[in-house]
Structures are given as structure tokens and as C-alpha cells.
């Protein structure tokens, strides 16, 4: 069962990366806001992408933002 859950998590991450790859920066910021990342206008595209992937894996949005910005 654990292998199946891990495989599902990897598939979800891959799907999220593919979705984000086709987004423009404005769309990424809107999506980040809807995911609970406030103040995303001060984040780079790479930071946003990293934070959103962390949230998809279960990290708290504010922790993901801080870690993506290197504040931890």
C-alpha cells in the first residue's frame, strides 16, 4: 500500500509540474494566492514553482513560502 501511495504522490507532482510549466507568471501568482501563499508578488517564478510543489506534497503554505525564499 505504501508503494502505491508513493507512486500516486509522484504522479501528482509530475502533473503539477506539467500544469505549472504552461502557466504565465500572472497565472502562477493567482494560483499561489488560491493555495494560501500571500505576498507572492515578491517571489520569483522559481520560488513560486518550488513553494507550490511543496504545498502539493503537504507542506503548510507559509512554511513552503519561507523555505522557497530561503528564509529557513
PDB file of N, CA and C in Angstrom:
ATOM      1  N   UNK A   1       0.821  -1.202   0.000  1.00  0.00           N
ATOM      2  CA  UNK A   1       0.000   0.000   0.000  1.00  0.00           C
ATOM      3  C   UNK A   1       0.863   1.264   0.000  1.00  0.00           C
ATOM      4  N   UNK A   2       1.937   1.272   0.773  1.00  0.00           N
ATOM      5  CA  UNK A   2       2.790   2.457   0.850  1.00  0.00           C
ATOM      6  C   UNK A   2       3.419   2.763  -0.504  1.00  0.00           C
ATOM      7  N   UNK A   3       3.793   1.714  -1.242  1.00  0.00           N
ATOM      8  CA  UNK A   3       4.369   1.930  -2.572  1.00  0.00           C
ATOM      9  C   UNK A   3       3.365   2.585  -3.496  1.00  0.00           C
ATOM     10  N   UNK A   4       2.121   2.144  -3.389  1.00  0.00           N
ATOM     11  CA  UNK A   4       1.070   2.703  -4.239  1.00  0.00           C
ATOM     12  C   UNK A   4       0.856   4.181  -3.925  1.00  0.00           C
ATOM     13  N   UNK A   5       0.866   4.529  -2.628  1.00  0.00           N
ATOM     14  CA  UNK A   5       0.684   5.928  -2.227  1.00  0.00           C
ATOM     15  C   UNK A   5       1.851   6.773  -2.706  1.00  0.00           C
ATOM     16  N   UNK A   6       3.075   6.249  -2.602  1.00  0.00           N
ATOM     17  CA  UNK A   6       4.251   6.982  -3.059  1.00  0.00           C
ATOM     18  C   UNK A   6       4.180   7.205  -4.563  1.00  0.00           C
ATOM     19  N   UNK A   7       3.786   6.171  -5.299  1.00  0.00           N
ATOM     20  CA  UNK A   7       3.663   6.290  -6.753  1.00  0.00           C
ATOM     21  C   UNK A   7       2.610   7.338  -7.108  1.00  0.00           C
ATOM     22  N   UNK A   8       1.485   7.340  -6.381  1.00  0.00           N
ATOM     23  CA  UNK A   8       0.427   8.314  -6.628  1.00  0.00           C
ATOM     24  C   UNK A   8       0.935   9.724  -6.356  1.00  0.00           C
ATOM     25  N   UNK A   9       1.703   9.891  -5.283  1.00  0.00           N
ATOM     26  CA  UNK A   9       2.267  11.201  -4.963  1.00  0.00           C
ATOM     27  C   UNK A   9       3.220  11.684  -6.043  1.00  0.00           C
ATOM     28  N   UNK A  10       4.021  10.764  -6.581  1.00  0.00           N
ATOM     29  CA  UNK A  10       4.934  11.126  -7.657  1.00  0.00           C
ATOM     30  C   UNK A  10       4.158  11.522  -8.908  1.00  0.00           C
ATOM     31  N   UNK A  11       3.074  10.817  -9.195  1.00  0.00           N
ATOM     32  CA  UNK A  11       2.255  11.154 -10.363  1.00  0.00           C
ATOM     33  C   UNK A  11       1.604  12.513 -10.182  1.00  0.00           C
ATOM     34  N   UNK A  12       1.129  12.805  -8.964  1.00  0.00           N
ATOM     35  CA  UNK A  12       0.523  14.111  -8.693  1.00  0.00           C
ATOM     36  C   UNK A  12       1.544  15.228  -8.852  1.00  0.00           C
ATOM     37  N   UNK A  13       2.773  14.997  -8.375  1.00  0.00           N
ATOM     38  CA  UNK A  13       3.823  16.001  -8.502  1.00  0.00           C
ATOM     39  C   UNK A  13       4.159  16.254  -9.961  1.00  0.00           C
ATOM     40  N   UNK A  14       4.235  15.183 -10.738  1.00  0.00           N
ATOM     41  CA  UNK A  14       4.531  15.324 -12.171  1.00  0.00           C
ATOM     42  C   UNK A  14       3.429  16.098 -12.862  1.00  0.00           C
ATOM     43  N   UNK A  15       2.183  15.814 -12.505  1.00  0.00           N
ATOM     44  CA  UNK A  15       1.055  16.534 -13.104  1.00  0.00           C
ATOM     45  C   UNK A  15       1.109  18.005 -12.729  1.00  0.00           C
ATOM     46  N   UNK A  16       1.448  18.305 -11.488  1.00  0.00           N
ATOM     47  CA  UNK A  16       1.540  19.690 -11.044  1.00  0.00           C
ATOM     48  C   UNK A  16       2.651  20.425 -11.775  1.00  0.00           C
ATOM     49  N   UNK A  17       3.800  19.760 -11.959  1.00  0.00           N
ATOM     50  CA  UNK A  17       4.900  20.389 -12.692  1.00  0.00           C
ATOM     51  C   UNK A  17       4.481  20.693 -14.118  1.00  0.00           C
ATOM     52  N   UNK A  18       3.768  19.767 -14.744  1.00  0.00           N
ATOM     53  CA  UNK A  18       3.321  19.979 -16.118  1.00  0.00           C
ATOM     54  C   UNK A  18       2.326  21.130 -16.197  1.00  0.00           C
ATOM     55  N   UNK A  19       1.430  21.228 -15.227  1.00  0.00           N
ATOM     56  CA  UNK A  19       0.468  22.332 -15.196  1.00  0.00           C
ATOM     57  C   UNK A  19       1.190  23.666 -15.040  1.00  0.00           C
ATOM     58  N   UNK A  20       2.150  23.715 -14.140  1.00  0.00           N
ATOM     59  CA  UNK A  20       2.868  24.959 -13.878  1.00  0.00           C
ATOM     60  C   UNK A  20       3.759  25.356 -15.046  1.00  0.00           C
ATOM     61  N   UNK A  21       4.243  24.391 -15.791  1.00  0.00           N
ATOM     62  CA  UNK A  21       5.130  24.696 -16.915  1.00  0.00           C
ATOM     63  C   UNK A  21       4.421  25.530 -17.970  1.00  0.00           C
ATOM     64  N   UNK A  22       3.126  25.347 -18.121  1.00  0.00           N
ATOM     65  CA  UNK A  22       2.376  26.072 -19.136  1.00  0.00           C
ATOM     66  C   UNK A  22       1.770  27.372 -18.646  1.00  0.00           C
ATOM     67  N   UNK A  23       2.003  27.733 -17.389  1.00  0.00           N
ATOM     68  CA  UNK A  23       1.396  28.937 -16.824  1.00  0.00           C
ATOM     69  C   UNK A  23       2.293  30.154 -17.030  1.00  0.00           C
ATOM     70  N   UNK A  24       1.659  31.304 -17.258  1.00  0.00           N
ATOM     71  CA  UNK A  24       2.432  32.536 -17.249  1.00  0.00           C
ATOM     72  C   UNK A  24       2.568  32.985 -15.786  1.00  0.00           C
ATOM     73  N   UNK A  25       3.421  33.947 -15.545  1.00  0.00           N
ATOM     74  CA  UNK A  25       3.723  34.366 -14.180  1.00  0.00           C
ATOM     75  C   UNK A  25       2.478  34.883 -13.451  1.00  0.00           C
ATOM     76  N   UNK A  26       1.641  35.625 -14.153  1.00  0.00           N
ATOM     77  CA  UNK A  26       0.415  36.145 -13.533  1.00  0.00           C
ATOM     78  C   UNK A  26      -0.479  34.996 -13.072  1.00  0.00           C
ATOM     79  N   UNK A  27      -0.651  33.992 -13.897  1.00  0.00           N
ATOM     80  CA  UNK A  27      -1.475  32.832 -13.537  1.00  0.00           C
ATOM     81  C   UNK A  27      -0.878  32.076 -12.360  1.00  0.00           C
ATOM     82  N   UNK A  28       0.448  31.976 -12.351  1.00  0.00           N
ATOM     83  CA  UNK A  28       1.109  31.303 -11.228  1.00  0.00           C
ATOM     84  C   UNK A  28       0.863  32.051  -9.928  1.00  0.00           C
ATOM     85  N   UNK A  29       0.932  33.385  -9.983  1.00  0.00           N
ATOM     86  CA  UNK A  29       0.690  34.184  -8.780  1.00  0.00           C
ATOM     87  C   UNK A  29      -0.749  34.024  -8.290  1.00  0.00           C
ATOM     88  N   UNK A  30      -1.698  33.990  -9.214  1.00  0.00           N
ATOM     89  CA  UNK A  30      -3.102  33.785  -8.836  1.00  0.00           C
ATOM     90  C   UNK A  30      -3.292  32.414  -8.192  1.00  0.00           C
ATOM     91  N   UNK A  31      -2.677  31.400  -8.801  1.00  0.00           N
ATOM     92  CA  UNK A  31      -2.801  30.051  -8.257  1.00  0.00           C
ATOM     93  C   UNK A  31      -2.136  29.964  -6.892  1.00  0.00           C
ATOM     94  N   UNK A  32      -0.977  30.593  -6.746  1.00  0.00           N
ATOM     95  CA  UNK A  32      -0.277  30.595  -5.461  1.00  0.00           C
ATOM     96  C   UNK A  32      -1.151  31.246  -4.392  1.00  0.00           C
ATOM     97  N   UNK A  33      -1.793  32.338  -4.729  1.00  0.00           N
ATOM     98  CA  UNK A  33      -2.687  33.010  -3.780  1.00  0.00           C
ATOM     99  C   UNK A  33      -3.831  32.089  -3.376  1.00  0.00           C
ATOM    100  N   UNK A  34      -4.416  31.389  -4.332  1.00  0.00           N
ATOM    101  CA  UNK A  34      -5.528  30.486  -4.024  1.00  0.00           C
ATOM    102  C   UNK A  34      -5.063  29.293  -3.183  1.00  0.00           C
ATOM    103  N   UNK A  35      -3.767  28.992  -3.232  1.00  0.00           N
ATOM    104  CA  UNK A  35      -3.213  27.896  -2.434  1.00  0.00           C
ATOM    105  C   UNK A  35      -2.809  28.359  -1.036  1.00  0.00           C
ATOM    106  N   UNK A  36      -2.910  29.651  -0.768  1.00  0.00           N
ATOM    107  CA  UNK A  36      -2.612  30.169   0.564  1.00  0.00           C
ATOM    108  C   UNK A  36      -1.290  30.891   0.685  1.00  0.00           C
ATOM    109  N   UNK A  37      -0.628  31.166  -0.442  1.00  0.00           N
ATOM    110  CA  UNK A  37       0.644  31.901  -0.408  1.00  0.00           C
ATOM    111  C   UNK A  37       0.337  33.380  -0.599  1.00  0.00           C
ATOM    112  N   UNK A  38       0.376  34.131   0.497  1.00  0.00           N
ATOM    113  CA  UNK A  38       0.146  35.571   0.420  1.00  0.00           C
ATOM    114  C   UNK A  38       1.453  36.276   0.101  1.00  0.00           C
ATOM    115  N   UNK A  39       1.387  37.395  -0.579  1.00  0.00           N
ATOM    116  CA  UNK A  39       2.568  38.173  -0.901  1.00  0.00           C
ATOM    117  C   UNK A  39       3.424  37.556  -1.981  1.00  0.00           C
ATOM    118  N   UNK A  40       2.812  36.843  -2.903  1.00  0.00           N
ATOM    119  CA  UNK A  40       3.584  36.159  -3.943  1.00  0.00           C
ATOM    120  C   UNK A  40       4.177  37.120  -4.974  1.00  0.00           C
ATOM    121  N   UNK A  41       3.772  38.384  -4.942  1.00  0.00           N
ATOM    122  CA  UNK A  41       4.310  39.353  -5.906  1.00  0.00           C
ATOM    123  C   UNK A  41       5.798  39.616  -5.665  1.00  0.00           C
ATOM    124  N   UNK A  42       6.260  39.278  -4.474  1.00  0.00           N
ATOM    125  CA  UNK A  42       7.671  39.485  -4.144  1.00  0.00           C
ATOM    126  C   UNK A  42       8.509  38.234  -4.397  1.00  0.00           C
ATOM    127  N   UNK A  43       7.892  37.201  -4.951  1.00  0.00           N
ATOM    128  CA  UNK A  43       8.598  35.941  -5.191  1.00  0.00           C
ATOM    129  C   UNK A  43       8.919  35.784  -6.669  1.00  0.00           C
ATOM    130  N   UNK A  44      10.048  35.157  -6.948  1.00  0.00           N
ATOM    131  CA  UNK A  44      10.402  34.874  -8.336  1.00  0.00           C
ATOM    132  C   UNK A  44       9.575  33.694  -8.845  1.00  0.00           C
ATOM    133  N   UNK A  45       9.625  33.496 -10.136  1.00  0.00           N
ATOM    134  CA  UNK A  45       8.899  32.372 -10.737  1.00  0.00           C
ATOM    135  C   UNK A  45       9.400  31.044 -10.170  1.00  0.00           C
ATOM    136  N   UNK A  46      10.706  30.893 -10.019  1.00  0.00           N
ATOM    137  CA  UNK A  46      11.263  29.657  -9.468  1.00  0.00           C
ATOM    138  C   UNK A  46      10.829  29.448  -8.018  1.00  0.00           C
ATOM    139  N   UNK A  47      10.801  30.520  -7.247  1.00  0.00           N
ATOM    140  CA  UNK A  47      10.364  30.418  -5.860  1.00  0.00           C
ATOM    141  C   UNK A  47       8.898  30.006  -5.788  1.00  0.00           C
ATOM    142  N   UNK A  48       8.062  30.598  -6.644  1.00  0.00           N
ATOM    143  CA  UNK A  48       6.654  30.233  -6.673  1.00  0.00           C
ATOM    144  C   UNK A  48       6.469  28.763  -7.031  1.00  0.00           C
ATOM    145  N   UNK A  49       7.176  28.341  -8.053  1.00  0.00           N
ATOM    146  CA  UNK A  49       7.076  26.949  -8.503  1.00  0.00           C
ATOM    147  C   UNK A  49       7.476  25.991  -7.377  1.00  0.00           C
ATOM    148  N   UNK A  50       8.581  26.298  -6.712  1.00  0.00           N
ATOM    149  CA  UNK A  50       9.053  25.449  -5.619  1.00  0.00           C
ATOM    150  C   UNK A  50       8.039  25.411  -4.474  1.00  0.00           C
ATOM    151  N   UNK A  51       7.521  26.566  -4.097  1.00  0.00           N
ATOM    152  CA  UNK A  51       6.554  26.630  -2.997  1.00  0.00           C
ATOM    153  C   UNK A  51       5.272  25.867  -3.339  1.00  0.00           C
ATOM    154  N   UNK A  52       4.786  26.014  -4.558  1.00  0.00           N
ATOM    155  CA  UNK A  52       3.555  25.321  -4.940  1.00  0.00           C
ATOM    156  C   UNK A  52       3.760  23.808  -4.967  1.00  0.00           C
ATOM    157  N   UNK A  53       4.921  23.363  -5.402  1.00  0.00           N
ATOM    158  CA  UNK A  53       5.186  21.925  -5.402  1.00  0.00           C
ATOM    159  C   UNK A  53       5.252  21.400  -3.967  1.00  0.00           C
ATOM    160  N   UNK A  54       5.814  22.184  -3.068  1.00  0.00           N
ATOM    161  CA  UNK A  54       5.877  21.768  -1.666  1.00  0.00           C
ATOM    162  C   UNK A  54       4.487  21.688  -1.059  1.00  0.00           C
ATOM    163  N   UNK A  55       3.623  22.638  -1.400  1.00  0.00           N
ATOM    164  CA  UNK A  55       2.247  22.618  -0.894  1.00  0.00           C
ATOM    165  C   UNK A  55       1.513  21.392  -1.423  1.00  0.00           C
ATOM    166  N   UNK A  56       1.746  21.057  -2.680  1.00  0.00           N
ATOM    167  CA  UNK A  56       1.119  19.866  -3.252  1.00  0.00           C
ATOM    168  C   UNK A  56       1.559  18.592  -2.542  1.00  0.00           C
ATOM    169  N   UNK A  57       2.720  18.637  -1.912  1.00  0.00           N
ATOM    170  CA  UNK A  57       3.223  17.477  -1.172  1.00  0.00           C
ATOM    171  C   UNK A  57       2.791  17.508   0.294  1.00  0.00           C
ATOM    172  N   UNK A  58       2.050  18.565   0.694  1.00  0.00           N
ATOM    173  CA  UNK A  58       1.502  18.613   2.047  1.00  0.00           C
ATOM    174  C   UNK A  58       2.119  19.623   2.983  1.00  0.00           C
ATOM    175  N   UNK A  59       3.052  20.429   2.514  1.00  0.00           N
ATOM    176  CA  UNK A  59       3.681  21.441   3.358  1.00  0.00           C
ATOM    177  C   UNK A  59       2.726  22.609   3.574  1.00  0.00           C
ATOM    178  N   UNK A  60       2.758  23.176   4.764  1.00  0.00           N
ATOM    179  CA  UNK A  60       1.967  24.363   5.083  1.00  0.00           C
ATOM    180  C   UNK A  60       2.367  25.498   4.130  1.00  0.00           C
ATOM    181  N   UNK A  61       1.391  26.249   3.601  1.00  0.00           N
ATOM    182  CA  UNK A  61       1.711  27.304   2.625  1.00  0.00           C
ATOM    183  C   UNK A  61       2.744  28.331   3.094  1.00  0.00           C
ATOM    184  N   UNK A  62       2.650  28.786   4.319  1.00  0.00           N
ATOM    185  CA  UNK A  62       3.602  29.795   4.786  1.00  0.00           C
ATOM    186  C   UNK A  62       5.000  29.196   4.976  1.00  0.00           C
ATOM    187  N   UNK A  63       5.068  27.945   5.420  1.00  0.00           N
ATOM    188  CA  UNK A  63       6.360  27.267   5.544  1.00  0.00           C
ATOM    189  C   UNK A  63       6.970  27.061   4.165  1.00  0.00           C
ATOM    190  N   UNK A  64       6.138  26.683   3.199  1.00  0.00           N
ATOM    191  CA  UNK A  64       6.620  26.470   1.828  1.00  0.00           C
ATOM    192  C   UNK A  64       7.159  27.775   1.258  1.00  0.00           C
ATOM    193  N   UNK A  65       6.458  28.876   1.512  1.00  0.00           N
ATOM    194  CA  UNK A  65       6.908  30.178   1.017  1.00  0.00           C
ATOM    195  C   UNK A  65       8.251  30.549   1.618  1.00  0.00           C
ATOM    196  N   UNK A  66       8.376  30.394   2.937  1.00  0.00           N
ATOM    197  CA  UNK A  66       9.619  30.745   3.602  1.00  0.00           C
ATOM    198  C   UNK A  66      10.782  29.892   3.109  1.00  0.00           C
ATOM    199  N   UNK A  67      10.532  28.593   2.969  1.00  0.00           N
ATOM    200  CA  UNK A  67      11.601  27.705   2.520  1.00  0.00           C
ATOM    201  C   UNK A  67      11.984  27.995   1.061  1.00  0.00           C
ATOM    202  N   UNK A  68      10.992  28.271   0.226  1.00  0.00           N
ATOM    203  CA  UNK A  68      11.268  28.572  -1.185  1.00  0.00           C
ATOM    204  C   UNK A  68      12.077  29.870  -1.321  1.00  0.00           C
ATOM    205  N   UNK A  69      11.827  30.816  -0.425  1.00  0.00           N
ATOM    206  CA  UNK A  69      12.559  32.084  -0.472  1.00  0.00           C
ATOM    207  C   UNK A  69      13.910  31.982   0.227  1.00  0.00           C
ATOM    208  N   UNK A  70      14.168  30.853   0.888  1.00  0.00           N
ATOM    209  CA  UNK A  70      15.438  30.661   1.562  1.00  0.00           C
ATOM    210  C   UNK A  70      15.514  31.295   2.926  1.00  0.00           C
ATOM    211  N   UNK A  71      14.367  31.518   3.552  1.00  0.00           N
ATOM    212  CA  UNK A  71      14.324  32.167   4.862  1.00  0.00           C
ATOM    213  C   UNK A  71      14.314  31.170   6.014  1.00  0.00           C
ATOM    214  N   UNK A  72      14.742  29.953   5.771  1.00  0.00           N
ATOM    215  CA  UNK A  72      14.735  28.958   6.851  1.00  0.00           C
ATOM    216  C   UNK A  72      16.120  28.439   7.089  1.00  0.00           C
TER     217      UNK A  72
END
